[in-house]
């Protein structure tokens, strides 16, 4: 079974990506970065972050990297 989830919320210059797994978040992140690059826009990795919700929130997740190699930081709280 293939599970596809695209949860993107936009407000002004903010983008919120919601995904059920870290691997699907990584895929959606890459798609968003590629689309932004077509518009000559870049993502400022210092202003980005990831938060994990649920029972496994405290387990360390693999890093998500930007196209230019910066890593997004996982936060413990909002």
C-alpha atoms as a PDB file:
ATOM      1  CA  UNK A   1       0.000   0.000   0.000  1.00  0.00           C
ATOM      2  CA  UNK A   2       1.317   3.429  -0.972  1.00  0.00           C
ATOM      3  CA  UNK A   3       0.609   6.242   1.496  1.00  0.00           C
ATOM      4  CA  UNK A   4       0.852   9.729   0.054  1.00  0.00           C
ATOM      5  CA  UNK A   5       0.487  12.800   2.208  1.00  0.00           C
ATOM      6  CA  UNK A   6       1.051  16.361   1.128  1.00  0.00           C
ATOM      7  CA  UNK A   7       0.314  18.769   3.940  1.00  0.00           C
ATOM      8  CA  UNK A   8       1.532  22.236   3.111  1.00  0.00           C
ATOM      9  CA  UNK A   9       0.258  25.384   4.785  1.00  0.00           C
ATOM     10  CA  UNK A  10       1.261  28.831   3.563  1.00  0.00           C
ATOM     11  CA  UNK A  11       0.943  32.176   5.314  1.00  0.00           C
ATOM     12  CA  UNK A  12       2.728  35.269   3.977  1.00  0.00           C
ATOM     13  CA  UNK A  13       6.368  34.151   3.636  1.00  0.00           C
ATOM     14  CA  UNK A  14       6.025  31.149   5.990  1.00  0.00           C
ATOM     15  CA  UNK A  15       5.643  27.527   4.914  1.00  0.00           C
ATOM     16  CA  UNK A  16       4.571  24.706   7.239  1.00  0.00           C
ATOM     17  CA  UNK A  17       5.118  21.114   6.102  1.00  0.00           C
ATOM     18  CA  UNK A  18       3.297  18.339   7.974  1.00  0.00           C
ATOM     19  CA  UNK A  19       4.077  14.698   7.246  1.00  0.00           C
ATOM     20  CA  UNK A  20       3.444  11.394   9.042  1.00  0.00           C
ATOM     21  CA  UNK A  21       7.097  10.272   8.808  1.00  0.00           C
ATOM     22  CA  UNK A  22      10.571  11.749   8.645  1.00  0.00           C
ATOM     23  CA  UNK A  23      11.239  10.085   5.278  1.00  0.00           C
ATOM     24  CA  UNK A  24       8.125  11.614   3.709  1.00  0.00           C
ATOM     25  CA  UNK A  25       9.055  14.985   5.234  1.00  0.00           C
ATOM     26  CA  UNK A  26      12.482  14.751   3.583  1.00  0.00           C
ATOM     27  CA  UNK A  27      10.856  14.056   0.210  1.00  0.00           C
ATOM     28  CA  UNK A  28       8.392  16.929   0.558  1.00  0.00           C
ATOM     29  CA  UNK A  29      11.193  19.253   1.693  1.00  0.00           C
ATOM     30  CA  UNK A  30      13.203  18.485  -1.454  1.00  0.00           C
ATOM     31  CA  UNK A  31      10.185  19.062  -3.692  1.00  0.00           C
ATOM     32  CA  UNK A  32       9.500  22.428  -2.033  1.00  0.00           C
ATOM     33  CA  UNK A  33      13.126  23.518  -2.337  1.00  0.00           C
ATOM     34  CA  UNK A  34      13.206  22.555  -6.010  1.00  0.00           C
ATOM     35  CA  UNK A  35       9.991  24.482  -6.708  1.00  0.00           C
ATOM     36  CA  UNK A  36      11.317  27.535  -4.866  1.00  0.00           C
ATOM     37  CA  UNK A  37      14.529  27.402  -6.881  1.00  0.00           C
ATOM     38  CA  UNK A  38      12.454  27.681 -10.091  1.00  0.00           C
ATOM     39  CA  UNK A  39      11.260  31.022  -8.667  1.00  0.00           C
ATOM     40  CA  UNK A  40      14.844  32.049  -7.805  1.00  0.00           C
ATOM     41  CA  UNK A  41      14.027  31.796  -4.093  1.00  0.00           C
ATOM     42  CA  UNK A  42      16.121  30.078  -1.441  1.00  0.00           C
ATOM     43  CA  UNK A  43      15.416  28.762   2.037  1.00  0.00           C
ATOM     44  CA  UNK A  44      17.255  30.231   5.011  1.00  0.00           C
ATOM     45  CA  UNK A  45      18.172  27.113   7.016  1.00  0.00           C
ATOM     46  CA  UNK A  46      18.878  29.211  10.136  1.00  0.00           C
ATOM     47  CA  UNK A  47      15.199  30.206  10.232  1.00  0.00           C
ATOM     48  CA  UNK A  48      13.918  26.657   9.682  1.00  0.00           C
ATOM     49  CA  UNK A  49      13.378  23.882  12.144  1.00  0.00           C
ATOM     50  CA  UNK A  50      11.707  20.536  12.683  1.00  0.00           C
ATOM     51  CA  UNK A  51       9.530  19.300  15.534  1.00  0.00           C
ATOM     52  CA  UNK A  52       8.348  15.749  16.120  1.00  0.00           C
ATOM     53  CA  UNK A  53       5.008  15.049  17.834  1.00  0.00           C
ATOM     54  CA  UNK A  54       3.608  11.848  19.303  1.00  0.00           C
ATOM     55  CA  UNK A  55       4.795   9.027  21.503  1.00  0.00           C
ATOM     56  CA  UNK A  56       8.215   8.842  19.849  1.00  0.00           C
ATOM     57  CA  UNK A  57       8.925  12.585  20.009  1.00  0.00           C
ATOM     58  CA  UNK A  58      12.068  12.141  22.130  1.00  0.00           C
ATOM     59  CA  UNK A  59      13.788   9.664  19.791  1.00  0.00           C
ATOM     60  CA  UNK A  60      16.542  11.260  17.750  1.00  0.00           C
ATOM     61  CA  UNK A  61      15.650  11.684  14.063  1.00  0.00           C
ATOM     62  CA  UNK A  62      17.915  11.730  11.052  1.00  0.00           C
ATOM     63  CA  UNK A  63      18.824  15.164   9.770  1.00  0.00           C
ATOM     64  CA  UNK A  64      17.122  16.866   6.874  1.00  0.00           C
ATOM     65  CA  UNK A  65      19.499  18.792   4.627  1.00  0.00           C
ATOM     66  CA  UNK A  66      18.912  21.698   2.294  1.00  0.00           C
ATOM     67  CA  UNK A  67      19.990  21.646  -1.341  1.00  0.00           C
ATOM     68  CA  UNK A  68      23.122  23.614  -0.438  1.00  0.00           C
ATOM     69  CA  UNK A  69      24.072  21.206   2.367  1.00  0.00           C
ATOM     70  CA  UNK A  70      22.823  22.944   5.528  1.00  0.00           C
ATOM     71  CA  UNK A  71      21.118  20.751   8.118  1.00  0.00           C
ATOM     72  CA  UNK A  72      17.767  21.623   9.662  1.00  0.00           C
ATOM     73  CA  UNK A  73      17.704  21.509  13.451  1.00  0.00           C
ATOM     74  CA  UNK A  74      15.310  19.268  15.369  1.00  0.00           C
ATOM     75  CA  UNK A  75      13.723  21.120  18.301  1.00  0.00           C
ATOM     76  CA  UNK A  76      12.288  19.707  21.530  1.00  0.00           C
ATOM     77  CA  UNK A  77       9.477  22.245  21.767  1.00  0.00           C
ATOM     78  CA  UNK A  78       7.609  24.848  19.768  1.00  0.00           C
END
